[in-house]
Structures are given as structure tokens and as C-alpha cells.
PDB file of N, CA and C in Angstrom:
ATOM      1  N   MET A   1     -55.527 -79.879   3.572  1.00  0.00           N
ATOM      2  CA  MET A   1     -54.194 -79.340   3.724  1.00  0.00           C
ATOM      3  C   MET A   1     -54.273 -78.028   4.505  1.00  0.00           C
ATOM      4  N   GLU A   2     -53.430 -77.924   5.488  1.00  0.00           N
ATOM      5  CA  GLU A   2     -53.333 -76.714   6.303  1.00  0.00           C
ATOM      6  C   GLU A   2     -52.311 -75.781   5.651  1.00  0.00           C
ATOM      7  N   VAL A   3     -52.600 -74.490   5.656  1.00  0.00           N
ATOM      8  CA  VAL A   3     -51.681 -73.504   5.088  1.00  0.00           C
ATOM      9  C   VAL A   3     -51.243 -72.556   6.190  1.00  0.00           C
ATOM     10  N   ILE A   4     -49.940 -72.342   6.280  1.00  0.00           N
ATOM     11  CA  ILE A   4     -49.403 -71.370   7.234  1.00  0.00           C
ATOM     12  C   ILE A   4     -48.746 -70.268   6.425  1.00  0.00           C
ATOM     13  N   LYS A   5     -49.190 -69.035   6.669  1.00  0.00           N
ATOM     14  CA  LYS A   5     -48.603 -67.881   5.992  1.00  0.00           C
ATOM     15  C   LYS A   5     -47.535 -67.291   6.896  1.00  0.00           C
ATOM     16  N   LEU A   6     -46.361 -67.117   6.327  1.00  0.00           N
ATOM     17  CA  LEU A   6     -45.230 -66.614   7.094  1.00  0.00           C
ATOM     18  C   LEU A   6     -45.407 -65.146   7.457  1.00  0.00           C
ATOM     19  N   ARG A   7     -45.060 -64.811   8.702  1.00  0.00           N
ATOM     20  CA  ARG A   7     -45.028 -63.417   9.142  1.00  0.00           C
ATOM     21  C   ARG A   7     -43.605 -62.888   9.067  1.00  0.00           C
ATOM     22  N   GLU A   8     -42.670 -63.823   9.089  1.00  0.00           N
ATOM     23  CA  GLU A   8     -41.250 -63.485   8.985  1.00  0.00           C
ATOM     24  C   GLU A   8     -40.654 -64.310   7.855  1.00  0.00           C
ATOM     25  N   GLU A   9     -39.342 -64.353   7.776  1.00  0.00           N
ATOM     26  CA  GLU A   9     -38.670 -65.076   6.691  1.00  0.00           C
ATOM     27  C   GLU A   9     -38.907 -66.578   6.772  1.00  0.00           C
ATOM     28  N   TYR A  10     -39.029 -67.115   7.989  1.00  0.00           N
ATOM     29  CA  TYR A  10     -39.199 -68.551   8.187  1.00  0.00           C
ATOM     30  C   TYR A  10     -39.989 -68.816   9.463  1.00  0.00           C
ATOM     31  N   ILE A  11     -40.393 -70.091   9.638  1.00  0.00           N
ATOM     32  CA  ILE A  11     -41.003 -70.565  10.873  1.00  0.00           C
ATOM     33  C   ILE A  11     -40.301 -71.878  11.211  1.00  0.00           C
ATOM     34  N   LYS A  12     -40.106 -72.124  12.489  1.00  0.00           N
ATOM     35  CA  LYS A  12     -39.455 -73.365  12.895  1.00  0.00           C
ATOM     36  C   LYS A  12     -40.465 -74.508  12.863  1.00  0.00           C
ATOM     37  N   LEU A  13     -39.950 -75.704  12.623  1.00  0.00           N
ATOM     38  CA  LEU A  13     -40.795 -76.882  12.454  1.00  0.00           C
ATOM     39  C   LEU A  13     -41.720 -77.108  13.644  1.00  0.00           C
ATOM     40  N   ASN A  14     -41.200 -77.035  14.861  1.00  0.00           N
ATOM     41  CA  ASN A  14     -42.059 -77.271  16.028  1.00  0.00           C
ATOM     42  C   ASN A  14     -43.150 -76.210  16.131  1.00  0.00           C
ATOM     43  N   GLN A  15     -42.843 -74.973  15.776  1.00  0.00           N
ATOM     44  CA  GLN A  15     -43.838 -73.903  15.806  1.00  0.00           C
ATOM     45  C   GLN A  15     -44.910 -74.124  14.742  1.00  0.00           C
ATOM     46  N   ALA A  16     -44.505 -74.641  13.587  1.00  0.00           N
ATOM     47  CA  ALA A  16     -45.459 -74.907  12.504  1.00  0.00           C
ATOM     48  C   ALA A  16     -46.449 -75.991  12.911  1.00  0.00           C
ATOM     49  N   LEU A  17     -45.965 -77.039  13.581  1.00  0.00           N
ATOM     50  CA  LEU A  17     -46.865 -78.103  14.032  1.00  0.00           C
ATOM     51  C   LEU A  17     -47.889 -77.562  15.024  1.00  0.00           C
ATOM     52  N   LYS A  18     -47.450 -76.698  15.921  1.00  0.00           N
ATOM     53  CA  LYS A  18     -48.380 -76.097  16.888  1.00  0.00           C
ATOM     54  C   LYS A  18     -49.358 -75.157  16.193  1.00  0.00           C
ATOM     55  N   ALA A  19     -48.847 -74.317  15.292  1.00  0.00           N
ATOM     56  CA  ALA A  19     -49.698 -73.346  14.595  1.00  0.00           C
ATOM     57  C   ALA A  19     -50.780 -74.020  13.763  1.00  0.00           C
ATOM     58  N   ALA A  20     -50.462 -75.184  13.219  1.00  0.00           N
ATOM     59  CA  ALA A  20     -51.426 -75.916  12.389  1.00  0.00           C
ATOM     60  C   ALA A  20     -52.384 -76.758  13.229  1.00  0.00           C
ATOM     61  N   GLY A  21     -52.152 -76.813  14.533  1.00  0.00           N
ATOM     62  CA  GLY A  21     -53.019 -77.592  15.410  1.00  0.00           C
ATOM     63  C   GLY A  21     -52.722 -79.082  15.405  1.00  0.00           C
ATOM     64  N   LEU A  22     -51.567 -79.472  14.870  1.00  0.00           N
ATOM     65  CA  LEU A  22     -51.202 -80.890  14.827  1.00  0.00           C
ATOM     66  C   LEU A  22     -50.465 -81.326  16.087  1.00  0.00           C
ATOM     67  N   ALA A  23     -50.042 -80.375  16.889  1.00  0.00           N
ATOM     68  CA  ALA A  23     -49.420 -80.660  18.184  1.00  0.00           C
ATOM     69  C   ALA A  23     -50.016 -79.688  19.191  1.00  0.00           C
ATOM     70  N   GLU A  24     -50.416 -80.214  20.351  1.00  0.00           N
ATOM     71  CA  GLU A  24     -51.051 -79.364  21.349  1.00  0.00           C
ATOM     72  C   GLU A  24     -50.056 -78.479  22.079  1.00  0.00           C
ATOM     73  N   SER A  25     -48.815 -78.946  22.193  1.00  0.00           N
ATOM     74  CA  SER A  25     -47.808 -78.189  22.925  1.00  0.00           C
ATOM     75  C   SER A  25     -46.451 -78.357  22.270  1.00  0.00           C
ATOM     76  N   GLY A  26     -45.502 -77.578  22.747  1.00  0.00           N
ATOM     77  CA  GLY A  26     -44.142 -77.705  22.249  1.00  0.00           C
ATOM     78  C   GLY A  26     -43.553 -79.064  22.565  1.00  0.00           C
ATOM     79  N   VAL A  27     -43.926 -79.613  23.712  1.00  0.00           N
ATOM     80  CA  VAL A  27     -43.433 -80.939  24.097  1.00  0.00           C
ATOM     81  C   VAL A  27     -43.967 -81.998  23.147  1.00  0.00           C
ATOM     82  N   ASP A  28     -45.253 -81.917  22.816  1.00  0.00           N
ATOM     83  CA  ASP A  28     -45.841 -82.866  21.857  1.00  0.00           C
ATOM     84  C   ASP A  28     -45.146 -82.770  20.504  1.00  0.00           C
ATOM     85  N   ALA A  29     -44.885 -81.547  20.054  1.00  0.00           N
ATOM     86  CA  ALA A  29     -44.211 -81.341  18.771  1.00  0.00           C
ATOM     87  C   ALA A  29     -42.806 -81.925  18.819  1.00  0.00           C
ATOM     88  N   LYS A  30     -42.106 -81.684  19.911  1.00  0.00           N
ATOM     89  CA  LYS A  30     -40.732 -82.184  20.074  1.00  0.00           C
ATOM     90  C   LYS A  30     -40.686 -83.706  19.949  1.00  0.00           C
ATOM     91  N   TYR A  31     -41.567 -84.402  20.665  1.00  0.00           N
ATOM     92  CA  TYR A  31     -41.547 -85.863  20.638  1.00  0.00           C
ATOM     93  C   TYR A  31     -41.990 -86.424  19.288  1.00  0.00           C
ATOM     94  N   ALA A  32     -42.930 -85.753  18.628  1.00  0.00           N
ATOM     95  CA  ALA A  32     -43.349 -86.203  17.294  1.00  0.00           C
ATOM     96  C   ALA A  32     -42.172 -86.117  16.324  1.00  0.00           C
ATOM     97  N   ILE A  33     -41.419 -85.029  16.411  1.00  0.00           N
ATOM     98  CA  ILE A  33     -40.278 -84.827  15.522  1.00  0.00           C
ATOM     99  C   ILE A  33     -39.163 -85.821  15.844  1.00  0.00           C
ATOM    100  N   LEU A  34     -38.803 -85.922  17.121  1.00  0.00           N
ATOM    101  CA  LEU A  34     -37.702 -86.801  17.514  1.00  0.00           C
ATOM    102  C   LEU A  34     -38.005 -88.279  17.288  1.00  0.00           C
ATOM    103  N   SER A  35     -39.283 -88.636  17.217  1.00  0.00           N
ATOM    104  CA  SER A  35     -39.647 -90.033  16.977  1.00  0.00           C
ATOM    105  C   SER A  35     -39.630 -90.388  15.487  1.00  0.00           C
ATOM    106  N   GLY A  36     -39.322 -89.407  14.636  1.00  0.00           N
ATOM    107  CA  GLY A  36     -39.209 -89.671  13.203  1.00  0.00           C
ATOM    108  C   GLY A  36     -40.532 -89.713  12.467  1.00  0.00           C
ATOM    109  N   LYS A  37     -41.579 -89.136  13.050  1.00  0.00           N
ATOM    110  CA  LYS A  37     -42.909 -89.178  12.431  1.00  0.00           C
ATOM    111  C   LYS A  37     -43.208 -87.987  11.536  1.00  0.00           C
ATOM    112  N   VAL A  38     -42.285 -87.025  11.467  1.00  0.00           N
ATOM    113  CA  VAL A  38     -42.518 -85.795  10.701  1.00  0.00           C
ATOM    114  C   VAL A  38     -41.589 -85.756   9.496  1.00  0.00           C
ATOM    115  N   LYS A  39     -42.167 -85.418   8.342  1.00  0.00           N
ATOM    116  CA  LYS A  39     -41.373 -85.281   7.122  1.00  0.00           C
ATOM    117  C   LYS A  39     -41.455 -83.847   6.618  1.00  0.00           C
ATOM    118  N   VAL A  40     -40.334 -83.362   6.118  1.00  0.00           N
ATOM    119  CA  VAL A  40     -40.280 -82.050   5.475  1.00  0.00           C
ATOM    120  C   VAL A  40     -39.822 -82.279   4.044  1.00  0.00           C
ATOM    121  N   ASN A  41     -40.655 -81.881   3.112  1.00  0.00           N
ATOM    122  CA  ASN A  41     -40.366 -82.075   1.687  1.00  0.00           C
ATOM    123  C   ASN A  41     -40.003 -83.525   1.372  1.00  0.00           C
ATOM    124  N   GLY A  42     -40.728 -84.457   2.013  1.00  0.00           N
ATOM    125  CA  GLY A  42     -40.562 -85.873   1.728  1.00  0.00           C
ATOM    126  C   GLY A  42     -39.455 -86.573   2.500  1.00  0.00           C
ATOM    127  N   GLN A  43     -38.685 -85.833   3.274  1.00  0.00           N
ATOM    128  CA  GLN A  43     -37.571 -86.412   4.038  1.00  0.00           C
ATOM    129  C   GLN A  43     -37.884 -86.374   5.532  1.00  0.00           C
ATOM    130  N   THR A  44     -37.621 -87.470   6.231  1.00  0.00           N
ATOM    131  CA  THR A  44     -37.815 -87.491   7.682  1.00  0.00           C
ATOM    132  C   THR A  44     -36.907 -86.446   8.306  1.00  0.00           C
ATOM    133  N   GLU A  45     -37.487 -85.624   9.179  1.00  0.00           N
ATOM    134  CA  GLU A  45     -36.746 -84.533   9.812  1.00  0.00           C
ATOM    135  C   GLU A  45     -36.710 -84.740  11.324  1.00  0.00           C
ATOM    136  N   LEU A  46     -35.527 -84.671  11.910  1.00  0.00           N
ATOM    137  CA  LEU A  46     -35.357 -84.886  13.343  1.00  0.00           C
ATOM    138  C   LEU A  46     -34.976 -83.611  14.102  1.00  0.00           C
ATOM    139  N   GLN A  47     -34.847 -82.498  13.393  1.00  0.00           N
ATOM    140  CA  GLN A  47     -34.491 -81.229  14.036  1.00  0.00           C
ATOM    141  C   GLN A  47     -35.761 -80.430  14.289  1.00  0.00           C
ATOM    142  N   ARG A  48     -36.100 -80.222  15.548  1.00  0.00           N
ATOM    143  CA  ARG A  48     -37.330 -79.477  15.840  1.00  0.00           C
ATOM    144  C   ARG A  48     -37.202 -78.005  15.495  1.00  0.00           C
ATOM    145  N   GLY A  49     -35.965 -77.502  15.443  1.00  0.00           N
ATOM    146  CA  GLY A  49     -35.730 -76.110  15.096  1.00  0.00           C
ATOM    147  C   GLY A  49     -35.477 -75.890  13.610  1.00  0.00           C
ATOM    148  N   LYS A  50     -35.750 -76.906  12.791  1.00  0.00           N
ATOM    149  CA  LYS A  50     -35.563 -76.797  11.335  1.00  0.00           C
ATOM    150  C   LYS A  50     -36.340 -75.596  10.813  1.00  0.00           C
ATOM    151  N   LYS A  51     -35.669 -74.735  10.066  1.00  0.00           N
ATOM    152  CA  LYS A  51     -36.316 -73.546   9.525  1.00  0.00           C
ATOM    153  C   LYS A  51     -37.093 -73.910   8.266  1.00  0.00           C
ATOM    154  N   LEU A  52     -38.346 -73.511   8.231  1.00  0.00           N
ATOM    155  CA  LEU A  52     -39.215 -73.763   7.084  1.00  0.00           C
ATOM    156  C   LEU A  52     -39.453 -72.451   6.350  1.00  0.00           C
ATOM    157  N   TYR A  53     -39.356 -72.507   5.034  1.00  0.00           N
ATOM    158  CA  TYR A  53     -39.530 -71.330   4.191  1.00  0.00           C
ATOM    159  C   TYR A  53     -40.715 -71.542   3.253  1.00  0.00           C
ATOM    160  N   ALA A  54     -41.135 -70.475   2.600  1.00  0.00           N
ATOM    161  CA  ALA A  54     -42.247 -70.567   1.647  1.00  0.00           C
ATOM    162  C   ALA A  54     -41.965 -71.673   0.635  1.00  0.00           C
ATOM    163  N   GLY A  55     -42.965 -72.506   0.400  1.00  0.00           N
ATOM    164  CA  GLY A  55     -42.845 -73.611  -0.539  1.00  0.00           C
ATOM    165  C   GLY A  55     -42.587 -74.956   0.114  1.00  0.00           C
ATOM    166  N   ASP A  56     -42.201 -74.943   1.394  1.00  0.00           N
ATOM    167  CA  ASP A  56     -41.950 -76.201   2.103  1.00  0.00           C
ATOM    168  C   ASP A  56     -43.253 -76.912   2.433  1.00  0.00           C
ATOM    169  N   LEU A  57     -43.207 -78.244   2.433  1.00  0.00           N
ATOM    170  CA  LEU A  57     -44.346 -79.082   2.807  1.00  0.00           C
ATOM    171  C   LEU A  57     -43.954 -79.942   3.994  1.00  0.00           C
ATOM    172  N   VAL A  58     -44.826 -79.977   4.992  1.00  0.00           N
ATOM    173  CA  VAL A  58     -44.609 -80.786   6.190  1.00  0.00           C
ATOM    174  C   VAL A  58     -45.695 -81.847   6.239  1.00  0.00           C
ATOM    175  N   GLU A  59     -45.316 -83.092   6.514  1.00  0.00           N
ATOM    176  CA  GLU A  59     -46.281 -84.184   6.631  1.00  0.00           C
ATOM    177  C   GLU A  59     -46.184 -84.788   8.019  1.00  0.00           C
ATOM    178  N   TYR A  60     -47.359 -84.990   8.632  1.00  0.00           N
ATOM    179  CA  TYR A  60     -47.414 -85.603   9.960  1.00  0.00           C
ATOM    180  C   TYR A  60     -48.780 -86.254  10.153  1.00  0.00           C
ATOM    181  N   GLU A  61     -48.781 -87.534  10.462  1.00  0.00           N
ATOM    182  CA  GLU A  61     -50.006 -88.310  10.725  1.00  0.00           C
ATOM    183  C   GLU A  61     -51.066 -88.119   9.645  1.00  0.00           C
ATOM    184  N   GLY A  62     -50.655 -88.204   8.390  1.00  0.00           N
ATOM    185  CA  GLY A  62     -51.598 -88.103   7.287  1.00  0.00           C
ATOM    186  C   GLY A  62     -52.042 -86.688   6.954  1.00  0.00           C
ATOM    187  N   GLN A  63     -51.534 -85.716   7.659  1.00  0.00           N
ATOM    188  CA  GLN A  63     -51.874 -84.312   7.416  1.00  0.00           C
ATOM    189  C   GLN A  63     -50.705 -83.624   6.732  1.00  0.00           C
ATOM    190  N   THR A  64     -51.004 -82.626   5.922  1.00  0.00           N
ATOM    191  CA  THR A  64     -49.972 -81.863   5.227  1.00  0.00           C
ATOM    192  C   THR A  64     -50.114 -80.383   5.563  1.00  0.00           C
ATOM    193  N   ILE A  65     -48.978 -79.755   5.809  1.00  0.00           N
ATOM    194  CA  ILE A  65     -48.929 -78.308   6.050  1.00  0.00           C
ATOM    195  C   ILE A  65     -48.112 -77.708   4.919  1.00  0.00           C
ATOM    196  N   ARG A  66     -48.656 -76.679   4.270  1.00  0.00           N
ATOM    197  CA  ARG A  66     -47.912 -75.957   3.236  1.00  0.00           C
ATOM    198  C   ARG A  66     -47.531 -74.582   3.777  1.00  0.00           C
ATOM    199  N   ILE A  67     -46.266 -74.233   3.625  1.00  0.00           N
ATOM    200  CA  ILE A  67     -45.771 -72.932   4.081  1.00  0.00           C
ATOM    201  C   ILE A  67     -45.829 -71.971   2.916  1.00  0.00           C
ATOM    202  N   GLU A  68     -46.449 -70.802   3.128  1.00  0.00           N
ATOM    203  CA  GLU A  68     -46.601 -69.809   2.062  1.00  0.00           C
ATOM    204  C   GLU A  68     -46.083 -68.462   2.529  1.00  0.00           C
ATOM    205  N   GLU A  69     -45.794 -67.615   1.549  1.00  0.00           N
ATOM    206  CA  GLU A  69     -45.406 -66.241   1.845  1.00  0.00           C
ATOM    207  C   GLU A  69     -46.542 -65.549   2.569  1.00  0.00           C
ATOM    208  N   GLY A  70     -46.187 -64.677   3.486  1.00  0.00           N
ATOM    209  CA  GLY A  70     -47.207 -63.918   4.220  1.00  0.00           C
ATOM    210  C   GLY A  70     -47.622 -62.695   3.455  1.00  0.00           C
ATOM    211  N   LEU A  71     -48.153 -61.752   4.194  1.00  0.00           N
ATOM    212  CA  LEU A  71     -48.648 -60.509   3.561  1.00  0.00           C
ATOM    213  C   LEU A  71     -47.533 -59.734   3.047  1.00  0.00           C
TER     214      LEU A  71
END
């Protein structure tokens, strides 16, 4: 499981995929999201700008990203 620590109040879904190394570029993240392959908290998410907060879980291609509070 990949963990992303927030530097601000939230991170956008496409940015989280890139930060976790699950998407090489913003374009890759966009197409993964729009194709319905990404889930947030168990629900398929189609908004690439979806705001993720501490406690959210993202699933993509068998990988999980957990969003946590930052410093």
C-alpha cells in the first residue's frame, strides 16, 4: 500500500495517482480515471479533479493508495 501525506487540505485524484507512481503523466492519470478503472473509497470515480482528504483510499490496478494527514 502506498501512503501519500497531505501537504495541504486535500490532493486531487489525478495528482495522487502521479505522486504514488501509478500514472507516469497527467494524461495517463486522466485516461485511467475516465475509463472507470479507479475507485475512491470503493466507488468508481470519473472525476480526475476529485478532492481526496485524509482517510480516503484509492484503488487502481490492484494497488491501493491511502491518504494521510501531513506534518
